[in-house]
Amino acid sequence: MPEPVYNLEQAEQLLARILGPDTTLSLLESRHGWVARPITESAANSMGTAAYVIDKKTGVVTRHPSLSLTTIGNRYDQAIANGLKPPGRRIHPPQHRIQLTLTSEEQTAVEYRVLVKALDPPTESEAAHQLRITKNPLHCQPTDSASATATDWAVRQFQTTGEWPRHGTIEL
């Protein structure tokens, strides 16, 4: 369960765990959060780089589009002040665990058994379904968000190793 993040050192440590210890960050404190963006080697490379907000009170980390850190912090603070759901897509702590197991591989497609489990709030139940990924053209069935996430992960693994992964776990 996430914990409050009250100071700069705690914010840096949390982001290092999420983004990697070698990530250099630009950090800005807002009233309700810590707003951060990874620093790239050149300003040209930072165009389109996502930003992150750590909620000071909850420790929840959300991902935001490439806007100025001040703009993101102001929007975040305004949403909290107005009692609205803060902007951004939650990335930490993960809300779901998706587990894949390869069940068959053919020349034109691969199939996986997919188990989806809620982590926040935690539940004992899992939803299971079969995922079919056609290779050319690339397509998945079913097309729900868990299947799309599993497909993206499996395709990236295939592109990296040249083999469809036998097993995998994704938390998001």
N, C-alpha and C. Protein backbone atom coordinates (compact mmCIF):
# COMPACT_ATOMS: atom_id res chain seq x y z
N MET A 1 0.84 -1.18 0.00
CA MET A 1 0.00 0.00 0.00
C MET A 1 0.89 1.24 0.00
N PRO A 2 0.56 2.23 -0.82
CA PRO A 2 1.41 3.42 -0.85
C PRO A 2 1.32 4.21 0.45
N GLU A 3 2.36 4.98 0.72
CA GLU A 3 2.42 5.80 1.91
C GLU A 3 2.59 7.24 1.51
N PRO A 4 2.23 8.18 2.40
CA PRO A 4 2.42 9.60 2.09
C PRO A 4 3.87 9.91 1.74
N VAL A 5 4.06 10.91 0.89
CA VAL A 5 5.40 11.33 0.46
C VAL A 5 5.51 12.82 0.78
N TYR A 6 6.14 13.11 1.90
CA TYR A 6 6.15 14.48 2.41
C TYR A 6 7.37 15.31 2.01
N ASN A 7 8.47 14.65 1.61
CA ASN A 7 9.65 15.46 1.31
C ASN A 7 10.30 15.03 0.00
N LEU A 8 11.21 15.87 -0.46
CA LEU A 8 11.88 15.67 -1.74
C LEU A 8 12.64 14.35 -1.78
N GLU A 9 13.31 13.99 -0.71
CA GLU A 9 14.08 12.75 -0.67
C GLU A 9 13.16 11.53 -0.86
N GLN A 10 12.02 11.52 -0.18
CA GLN A 10 11.07 10.42 -0.35
C GLN A 10 10.55 10.36 -1.79
N ALA A 11 10.28 11.51 -2.38
CA ALA A 11 9.80 11.56 -3.77
C ALA A 11 10.85 10.99 -4.72
N GLU A 12 12.10 11.38 -4.53
CA GLU A 12 13.18 10.88 -5.38
C GLU A 12 13.35 9.37 -5.24
N GLN A 13 13.26 8.86 -4.01
CA GLN A 13 13.41 7.42 -3.78
C GLN A 13 12.28 6.62 -4.44
N LEU A 14 11.06 7.11 -4.32
CA LEU A 14 9.92 6.41 -4.92
C LEU A 14 10.05 6.39 -6.44
N LEU A 15 10.38 7.54 -7.04
CA LEU A 15 10.52 7.59 -8.50
C LEU A 15 11.70 6.74 -8.98
N ALA A 16 12.75 6.64 -8.20
CA ALA A 16 13.88 5.78 -8.56
C ALA A 16 13.45 4.31 -8.61
N ARG A 17 12.57 3.90 -7.67
CA ARG A 17 12.06 2.53 -7.68
C ARG A 17 11.18 2.28 -8.90
N ILE A 18 10.40 3.28 -9.31
CA ILE A 18 9.46 3.11 -10.41
C ILE A 18 10.14 3.27 -11.77
N LEU A 19 10.96 4.31 -11.92
CA LEU A 19 11.54 4.65 -13.22
C LEU A 19 12.95 4.12 -13.42
N GLY A 20 13.58 3.64 -12.36
CA GLY A 20 14.94 3.14 -12.44
C GLY A 20 15.90 4.07 -11.72
N PRO A 21 16.90 3.50 -11.05
CA PRO A 21 17.80 4.29 -10.21
C PRO A 21 18.69 5.24 -11.00
N ASP A 22 18.87 5.02 -12.29
CA ASP A 22 19.75 5.87 -13.08
C ASP A 22 19.01 7.01 -13.76
N THR A 23 17.71 7.15 -13.50
CA THR A 23 16.92 8.20 -14.12
C THR A 23 17.15 9.52 -13.38
N THR A 24 17.60 10.52 -14.12
CA THR A 24 17.77 11.86 -13.56
C THR A 24 16.47 12.61 -13.77
N LEU A 25 16.01 13.30 -12.72
CA LEU A 25 14.70 13.93 -12.77
C LEU A 25 14.76 15.42 -12.52
N SER A 26 13.81 16.10 -13.12
CA SER A 26 13.51 17.48 -12.76
C SER A 26 12.27 17.39 -11.87
N LEU A 27 12.35 17.91 -10.66
CA LEU A 27 11.26 17.79 -9.69
C LEU A 27 10.77 19.17 -9.26
N LEU A 28 9.46 19.28 -9.13
CA LEU A 28 8.82 20.52 -8.69
C LEU A 28 7.79 20.16 -7.63
N GLU A 29 7.80 20.87 -6.53
CA GLU A 29 6.80 20.65 -5.49
C GLU A 29 5.59 21.53 -5.75
N SER A 30 4.41 20.92 -5.69
CA SER A 30 3.17 21.69 -5.75
C SER A 30 2.47 21.50 -4.39
N ARG A 31 1.34 22.11 -4.23
CA ARG A 31 0.66 22.04 -2.93
C ARG A 31 0.31 20.60 -2.54
N HIS A 32 -0.17 19.81 -3.52
CA HIS A 32 -0.65 18.46 -3.22
C HIS A 32 0.23 17.35 -3.80
N GLY A 33 1.29 17.71 -4.50
CA GLY A 33 2.08 16.66 -5.12
C GLY A 33 3.51 17.05 -5.43
N TRP A 34 4.23 16.03 -5.89
CA TRP A 34 5.58 16.20 -6.41
C TRP A 34 5.49 15.93 -7.90
N VAL A 35 5.85 16.89 -8.72
CA VAL A 35 5.73 16.78 -10.17
C VAL A 35 7.14 16.54 -10.71
N ALA A 36 7.30 15.52 -11.55
CA ALA A 36 8.63 15.15 -12.03
C ALA A 36 8.62 14.81 -13.51
N ARG A 37 9.77 15.02 -14.14
CA ARG A 37 9.97 14.59 -15.52
C ARG A 37 11.41 14.12 -15.64
N PRO A 38 11.61 12.97 -16.29
CA PRO A 38 12.99 12.53 -16.55
C PRO A 38 13.71 13.57 -17.41
N ILE A 39 14.97 13.82 -17.08
CA ILE A 39 15.79 14.76 -17.85
C ILE A 39 16.51 13.96 -18.94
N THR A 40 16.37 14.44 -20.16
CA THR A 40 17.06 13.79 -21.28
C THR A 40 18.35 14.53 -21.59
N GLU A 41 19.18 13.94 -22.42
CA GLU A 41 20.49 14.53 -22.73
C GLU A 41 20.38 15.86 -23.45
N SER A 42 19.33 16.01 -24.27
CA SER A 42 19.17 17.28 -24.97
C SER A 42 17.71 17.72 -24.89
N ALA A 43 17.51 19.01 -24.98
CA ALA A 43 16.15 19.55 -24.91
C ALA A 43 15.29 19.00 -26.04
N ALA A 44 15.88 18.75 -27.19
CA ALA A 44 15.13 18.22 -28.33
C ALA A 44 14.55 16.85 -28.02
N ASN A 45 15.28 16.05 -27.25
CA ASN A 45 14.81 14.71 -26.90
C ASN A 45 13.72 14.72 -25.85
N SER A 46 13.57 15.82 -25.09
CA SER A 46 12.57 15.84 -24.02
C SER A 46 11.17 16.15 -24.54
N MET A 47 11.05 16.56 -25.80
CA MET A 47 9.74 16.86 -26.37
C MET A 47 8.89 15.59 -26.35
N GLY A 48 7.74 15.68 -25.74
CA GLY A 48 6.85 14.54 -25.67
C GLY A 48 7.12 13.60 -24.50
N THR A 49 8.09 13.94 -23.66
CA THR A 49 8.41 13.09 -22.52
C THR A 49 7.33 13.24 -21.44
N ALA A 50 6.83 12.12 -20.97
CA ALA A 50 5.78 12.13 -19.96
C ALA A 50 6.30 12.71 -18.65
N ALA A 51 5.36 13.20 -17.87
CA ALA A 51 5.66 13.69 -16.52
C ALA A 51 4.90 12.81 -15.53
N TYR A 52 5.28 12.90 -14.28
CA TYR A 52 4.69 12.08 -13.24
C TYR A 52 4.35 12.96 -12.04
N VAL A 53 3.27 12.62 -11.35
CA VAL A 53 2.91 13.32 -10.12
C VAL A 53 2.77 12.28 -9.01
N ILE A 54 3.45 12.54 -7.90
CA ILE A 54 3.27 11.74 -6.69
C ILE A 54 2.34 12.54 -5.79
N ASP A 55 1.22 11.96 -5.43
CA ASP A 55 0.31 12.61 -4.50
C ASP A 55 0.94 12.57 -3.11
N LYS A 56 1.12 13.74 -2.50
CA LYS A 56 1.78 13.81 -1.20
C LYS A 56 1.03 13.03 -0.12
N LYS A 57 -0.28 13.08 -0.16
CA LYS A 57 -1.09 12.47 0.89
C LYS A 57 -1.20 10.96 0.73
N THR A 58 -1.32 10.47 -0.51
CA THR A 58 -1.58 9.05 -0.73
C THR A 58 -0.37 8.26 -1.23
N GLY A 59 0.61 8.92 -1.85
CA GLY A 59 1.74 8.23 -2.45
C GLY A 59 1.43 7.61 -3.79
N VAL A 60 0.23 7.82 -4.31
CA VAL A 60 -0.14 7.30 -5.63
C VAL A 60 0.58 8.12 -6.70
N VAL A 61 1.13 7.43 -7.71
CA VAL A 61 1.85 8.08 -8.79
C VAL A 61 1.01 7.99 -10.06
N THR A 62 0.84 9.14 -10.73
CA THR A 62 0.11 9.19 -11.99
C THR A 62 1.02 9.72 -13.09
N ARG A 63 0.72 9.28 -14.31
CA ARG A 63 1.48 9.70 -15.50
C ARG A 63 0.68 10.78 -16.21
N HIS A 64 1.39 11.79 -16.73
CA HIS A 64 0.75 12.95 -17.36
C HIS A 64 1.42 13.26 -18.70
N PRO A 65 0.69 13.98 -19.57
CA PRO A 65 1.26 14.32 -20.88
C PRO A 65 2.39 15.35 -20.74
N SER A 66 3.04 15.59 -21.85
CA SER A 66 4.18 16.49 -21.89
C SER A 66 3.74 17.95 -21.87
N LEU A 67 3.46 18.44 -20.67
CA LEU A 67 3.18 19.85 -20.43
C LEU A 67 4.23 20.34 -19.45
N SER A 68 4.27 21.64 -19.22
CA SER A 68 5.24 22.14 -18.24
C SER A 68 4.91 21.58 -16.86
N LEU A 69 5.93 21.41 -16.05
CA LEU A 69 5.72 20.88 -14.71
C LEU A 69 4.80 21.80 -13.90
N THR A 70 4.94 23.10 -14.10
CA THR A 70 4.09 24.05 -13.39
C THR A 70 2.62 23.87 -13.79
N THR A 71 2.36 23.72 -15.08
CA THR A 71 0.99 23.52 -15.56
C THR A 71 0.40 22.24 -14.98
N ILE A 72 1.17 21.17 -15.01
CA ILE A 72 0.69 19.89 -14.47
C ILE A 72 0.41 20.03 -12.98
N GLY A 73 1.32 20.64 -12.24
CA GLY A 73 1.12 20.83 -10.81
C GLY A 73 -0.11 21.68 -10.51
N ASN A 74 -0.30 22.75 -11.27
CA ASN A 74 -1.47 23.61 -11.07
C ASN A 74 -2.77 22.86 -11.34
N ARG A 75 -2.81 22.10 -12.41
CA ARG A 75 -4.02 21.32 -12.74
C ARG A 75 -4.29 20.26 -11.67
N TYR A 76 -3.24 19.63 -11.21
CA TYR A 76 -3.39 18.61 -10.17
C TYR A 76 -3.94 19.23 -8.90
N ASP A 77 -3.32 20.32 -8.46
CA ASP A 77 -3.76 21.01 -7.24
C ASP A 77 -5.19 21.50 -7.36
N GLN A 78 -5.54 22.03 -8.53
CA GLN A 78 -6.90 22.55 -8.73
C GLN A 78 -7.94 21.43 -8.63
N ALA A 79 -7.63 20.28 -9.22
CA ALA A 79 -8.56 19.14 -9.15
C ALA A 79 -8.76 18.72 -7.70
N ILE A 80 -7.70 18.61 -6.94
CA ILE A 80 -7.80 18.22 -5.52
C ILE A 80 -8.61 19.27 -4.74
N ALA A 81 -8.30 20.54 -4.98
CA ALA A 81 -9.01 21.62 -4.27
C ALA A 81 -10.50 21.61 -4.58
N ASN A 82 -10.86 21.21 -5.79
CA ASN A 82 -12.27 21.17 -6.21
C ASN A 82 -12.95 19.84 -5.89
N GLY A 83 -12.23 18.94 -5.23
CA GLY A 83 -12.81 17.65 -4.86
C GLY A 83 -13.00 16.71 -6.04
N LEU A 84 -12.23 16.92 -7.12
CA LEU A 84 -12.33 16.09 -8.31
C LEU A 84 -11.23 15.03 -8.32
N LYS A 85 -11.44 14.02 -9.16
CA LYS A 85 -10.40 13.01 -9.36
C LYS A 85 -9.22 13.70 -10.04
N PRO A 86 -8.03 13.57 -9.49
CA PRO A 86 -6.88 14.22 -10.12
C PRO A 86 -6.64 13.68 -11.53
N PRO A 87 -6.10 14.52 -12.41
CA PRO A 87 -5.81 14.07 -13.77
C PRO A 87 -4.66 13.07 -13.77
N GLY A 88 -4.47 12.43 -14.90
CA GLY A 88 -3.36 11.49 -15.06
C GLY A 88 -3.82 10.05 -14.96
N ARG A 89 -2.96 9.16 -15.47
CA ARG A 89 -3.23 7.72 -15.42
C ARG A 89 -2.36 7.10 -14.34
N ARG A 90 -2.99 6.41 -13.43
CA ARG A 90 -2.28 5.81 -12.30
C ARG A 90 -1.31 4.74 -12.78
N ILE A 91 -0.06 4.84 -12.27
CA ILE A 91 0.94 3.82 -12.61
C ILE A 91 1.50 3.12 -11.38
N HIS A 92 1.28 3.70 -10.19
CA HIS A 92 1.80 3.09 -8.97
C HIS A 92 0.90 3.45 -7.80
N PRO A 93 0.57 2.56 -6.93
CA PRO A 93 0.85 1.13 -7.04
C PRO A 93 -0.02 0.51 -8.12
N PRO A 94 0.40 -0.63 -8.64
CA PRO A 94 -0.38 -1.28 -9.69
C PRO A 94 -1.78 -1.66 -9.20
N GLN A 95 -2.74 -1.60 -10.10
CA GLN A 95 -4.11 -1.94 -9.77
C GLN A 95 -4.49 -3.35 -10.21
N HIS A 96 -3.77 -3.87 -11.21
CA HIS A 96 -4.09 -5.20 -11.74
C HIS A 96 -2.81 -5.98 -12.04
N ARG A 97 -2.91 -7.29 -11.96
CA ARG A 97 -1.84 -8.18 -12.39
C ARG A 97 -2.40 -9.04 -13.52
N ILE A 98 -1.69 -9.05 -14.63
CA ILE A 98 -2.08 -9.87 -15.78
C ILE A 98 -1.01 -10.93 -15.95
N GLN A 99 -1.43 -12.20 -15.93
CA GLN A 99 -0.49 -13.30 -16.13
C GLN A 99 -0.83 -14.01 -17.44
N LEU A 100 0.19 -14.27 -18.24
CA LEU A 100 0.01 -14.94 -19.52
C LEU A 100 0.73 -16.28 -19.51
N THR A 101 0.10 -17.26 -20.14
CA THR A 101 0.73 -18.56 -20.35
C THR A 101 0.45 -18.98 -21.78
N LEU A 102 1.50 -19.23 -22.54
CA LEU A 102 1.35 -19.65 -23.93
C LEU A 102 0.68 -21.02 -23.97
N THR A 103 -0.41 -21.14 -24.73
CA THR A 103 -1.11 -22.42 -24.83
C THR A 103 -0.93 -23.07 -26.20
N SER A 104 -0.69 -22.25 -27.23
CA SER A 104 -0.40 -22.84 -28.55
C SER A 104 0.28 -21.81 -29.44
N GLU A 105 1.09 -22.33 -30.35
CA GLU A 105 1.74 -21.48 -31.33
C GLU A 105 1.63 -22.14 -32.69
N GLU A 106 1.06 -21.42 -33.62
CA GLU A 106 0.92 -21.87 -35.00
C GLU A 106 1.70 -20.92 -35.89
N GLN A 107 1.75 -21.20 -37.16
CA GLN A 107 2.47 -20.34 -38.09
C GLN A 107 1.84 -18.95 -38.16
N THR A 108 0.51 -18.88 -38.06
CA THR A 108 -0.18 -17.61 -38.25
C THR A 108 -0.64 -16.95 -36.96
N ALA A 109 -0.58 -17.65 -35.83
CA ALA A 109 -1.11 -17.08 -34.59
C ALA A 109 -0.52 -17.77 -33.36
N VAL A 110 -0.63 -17.08 -32.23
CA VAL A 110 -0.30 -17.65 -30.93
C VAL A 110 -1.51 -17.46 -30.03
N GLU A 111 -1.63 -18.34 -29.04
CA GLU A 111 -2.72 -18.22 -28.08
C GLU A 111 -2.16 -18.28 -26.67
N TYR A 112 -2.76 -17.46 -25.81
CA TYR A 112 -2.36 -17.40 -24.41
C TYR A 112 -3.58 -17.55 -23.52
N ARG A 113 -3.37 -18.17 -22.37
CA ARG A 113 -4.37 -18.14 -21.30
C ARG A 113 -4.00 -16.90 -20.49
N VAL A 114 -4.98 -16.03 -20.27
CA VAL A 114 -4.76 -14.77 -19.57
C VAL A 114 -5.56 -14.76 -18.27
N LEU A 115 -4.87 -14.52 -17.15
CA LEU A 115 -5.52 -14.37 -15.85
C LEU A 115 -5.36 -12.91 -15.42
N VAL A 116 -6.46 -12.28 -15.04
CA VAL A 116 -6.42 -10.90 -14.57
C VAL A 116 -6.90 -10.87 -13.12
N LYS A 117 -6.08 -10.29 -12.26
CA LYS A 117 -6.42 -10.21 -10.84
C LYS A 117 -6.33 -8.75 -10.38
N ALA A 118 -7.35 -8.30 -9.66
CA ALA A 118 -7.34 -6.95 -9.09
C ALA A 118 -6.41 -6.93 -7.88
N LEU A 119 -5.55 -5.92 -7.82
CA LEU A 119 -4.63 -5.76 -6.70
C LEU A 119 -5.06 -4.65 -5.75
N ASP A 120 -5.78 -3.67 -6.27
CA ASP A 120 -6.18 -2.53 -5.45
C ASP A 120 -7.60 -2.13 -5.79
N PRO A 121 -8.59 -2.53 -5.01
CA PRO A 121 -8.44 -3.30 -3.77
C PRO A 121 -8.17 -4.76 -4.09
N PRO A 122 -7.42 -5.44 -3.21
CA PRO A 122 -7.10 -6.84 -3.48
C PRO A 122 -8.34 -7.74 -3.43
N THR A 123 -8.36 -8.71 -4.32
CA THR A 123 -9.45 -9.68 -4.33
C THR A 123 -8.86 -11.07 -4.48
N GLU A 124 -9.64 -12.05 -4.12
CA GLU A 124 -9.22 -13.44 -4.27
C GLU A 124 -9.54 -13.97 -5.66
N SER A 125 -10.52 -13.36 -6.32
CA SER A 125 -10.97 -13.88 -7.60
C SER A 125 -10.09 -13.41 -8.75
N GLU A 126 -10.05 -14.23 -9.78
CA GLU A 126 -9.33 -13.93 -11.01
C GLU A 126 -10.27 -14.13 -12.19
N ALA A 127 -10.12 -13.30 -13.19
CA ALA A 127 -10.87 -13.48 -14.43
C ALA A 127 -9.92 -14.12 -15.43
N ALA A 128 -10.37 -15.18 -16.08
CA ALA A 128 -9.52 -15.88 -17.05
C ALA A 128 -10.18 -15.86 -18.42
N HIS A 129 -9.36 -15.74 -19.46
CA HIS A 129 -9.86 -15.86 -20.82
C HIS A 129 -8.73 -16.28 -21.75
N GLN A 130 -9.10 -16.68 -22.92
CA GLN A 130 -8.14 -17.08 -23.94
C GLN A 130 -7.88 -15.89 -24.86
N LEU A 131 -6.63 -15.63 -25.17
CA LEU A 131 -6.22 -14.54 -26.05
C LEU A 131 -5.58 -15.13 -27.29
N ARG A 132 -6.06 -14.72 -28.45
CA ARG A 132 -5.48 -15.14 -29.73
C ARG A 132 -4.85 -13.93 -30.40
N ILE A 133 -3.58 -14.06 -30.75
CA ILE A 133 -2.86 -12.99 -31.44
C ILE A 133 -2.49 -13.50 -32.83
N THR A 134 -3.06 -12.89 -33.86
CA THR A 134 -2.66 -13.25 -35.22
C THR A 134 -1.37 -12.48 -35.52
N LYS A 135 -0.47 -13.12 -36.26
CA LYS A 135 0.85 -12.57 -36.47
C LYS A 135 0.92 -11.58 -37.63
N ASN A 136 0.20 -11.85 -38.72
CA ASN A 136 0.29 -10.96 -39.87
C ASN A 136 -1.02 -10.95 -40.62
N PRO A 137 -1.82 -9.92 -40.49
CA PRO A 137 -1.53 -8.70 -39.75
C PRO A 137 -1.71 -8.93 -38.26
N LEU A 138 -1.01 -8.12 -37.48
CA LEU A 138 -1.07 -8.23 -36.03
C LEU A 138 -2.45 -7.81 -35.54
N HIS A 139 -3.09 -8.72 -34.80
CA HIS A 139 -4.43 -8.46 -34.29
C HIS A 139 -4.66 -9.36 -33.09
N CYS A 140 -5.44 -8.85 -32.11
CA CYS A 140 -5.75 -9.70 -30.95
C CYS A 140 -7.26 -9.84 -30.81
N GLN A 141 -7.64 -10.99 -30.26
CA GLN A 141 -9.05 -11.26 -29.99
C GLN A 141 -9.12 -11.97 -28.65
N PRO A 142 -9.83 -11.50 -27.66
CA PRO A 142 -10.69 -10.32 -27.67
C PRO A 142 -9.87 -9.02 -27.66
N THR A 143 -10.57 -7.90 -27.72
CA THR A 143 -9.90 -6.60 -27.84
C THR A 143 -10.06 -5.73 -26.59
N ASP A 144 -10.39 -6.33 -25.45
CA ASP A 144 -10.52 -5.57 -24.21
C ASP A 144 -9.16 -5.02 -23.79
N SER A 145 -9.13 -4.14 -22.78
CA SER A 145 -7.88 -3.47 -22.40
C SER A 145 -6.84 -4.45 -21.85
N ALA A 146 -7.26 -5.47 -21.09
CA ALA A 146 -6.30 -6.45 -20.57
C ALA A 146 -5.67 -7.24 -21.72
N SER A 147 -6.47 -7.61 -22.70
CA SER A 147 -5.94 -8.34 -23.86
C SER A 147 -5.00 -7.46 -24.68
N ALA A 148 -5.34 -6.20 -24.84
CA ALA A 148 -4.48 -5.27 -25.59
C ALA A 148 -3.15 -5.09 -24.87
N THR A 149 -3.19 -4.95 -23.55
CA THR A 149 -1.96 -4.81 -22.76
C THR A 149 -1.11 -6.07 -22.87
N ALA A 150 -1.74 -7.23 -22.74
CA ALA A 150 -1.02 -8.50 -22.86
C ALA A 150 -0.42 -8.66 -24.25
N THR A 151 -1.17 -8.27 -25.27
CA THR A 151 -0.67 -8.36 -26.65
C THR A 151 0.53 -7.46 -26.84
N ASP A 152 0.44 -6.22 -26.39
CA ASP A 152 1.58 -5.29 -26.51
C ASP A 152 2.82 -5.86 -25.85
N TRP A 153 2.65 -6.41 -24.65
CA TRP A 153 3.79 -6.97 -23.93
C TRP A 153 4.38 -8.16 -24.70
N ALA A 154 3.52 -9.08 -25.14
CA ALA A 154 4.01 -10.27 -25.84
C ALA A 154 4.72 -9.89 -27.14
N VAL A 155 4.18 -8.94 -27.87
CA VAL A 155 4.79 -8.50 -29.13
C VAL A 155 6.16 -7.87 -28.86
N ARG A 156 6.27 -7.03 -27.83
CA ARG A 156 7.57 -6.43 -27.49
C ARG A 156 8.59 -7.51 -27.14
N GLN A 157 8.14 -8.53 -26.39
CA GLN A 157 9.05 -9.62 -26.04
C GLN A 157 9.50 -10.36 -27.30
N PHE A 158 8.55 -10.60 -28.21
CA PHE A 158 8.87 -11.28 -29.47
C PHE A 158 9.87 -10.46 -30.28
N GLN A 159 9.65 -9.16 -30.36
CA GLN A 159 10.54 -8.29 -31.13
C GLN A 159 11.94 -8.24 -30.52
N THR A 160 12.03 -8.41 -29.21
CA THR A 160 13.33 -8.37 -28.53
C THR A 160 14.08 -9.70 -28.65
N THR A 161 13.36 -10.81 -28.47
CA THR A 161 14.03 -12.11 -28.40
C THR A 161 13.88 -12.97 -29.65
N GLY A 162 12.87 -12.65 -30.48
CA GLY A 162 12.60 -13.47 -31.65
C GLY A 162 11.73 -14.68 -31.34
N GLU A 163 11.30 -14.82 -30.09
CA GLU A 163 10.42 -15.93 -29.69
C GLU A 163 9.24 -15.38 -28.91
N TRP A 164 8.09 -16.03 -29.07
CA TRP A 164 6.92 -15.64 -28.28
C TRP A 164 7.15 -16.12 -26.86
N PRO A 165 6.93 -15.26 -25.87
CA PRO A 165 7.19 -15.65 -24.48
C PRO A 165 6.27 -16.79 -24.03
N ARG A 166 6.83 -17.70 -23.24
CA ARG A 166 6.05 -18.83 -22.71
C ARG A 166 5.17 -18.39 -21.54
N HIS A 167 5.71 -17.51 -20.70
CA HIS A 167 5.00 -17.03 -19.51
C HIS A 167 5.33 -15.55 -19.35
N GLY A 168 4.49 -14.84 -18.64
CA GLY A 168 4.80 -13.45 -18.33
C GLY A 168 3.81 -12.88 -17.33
N THR A 169 4.26 -11.86 -16.62
CA THR A 169 3.40 -11.15 -15.67
C THR A 169 3.58 -9.66 -15.88
N ILE A 170 2.45 -8.98 -15.93
CA ILE A 170 2.43 -7.53 -16.11
C ILE A 170 1.62 -6.95 -14.96
N GLU A 171 2.14 -5.91 -14.35
CA GLU A 171 1.36 -5.20 -13.33
C GLU A 171 1.13 -3.79 -13.81
N LEU A 172 -0.14 -3.38 -13.72
CA LEU A 172 -0.49 -2.02 -14.12
C LEU A 172 -1.62 -1.50 -13.29
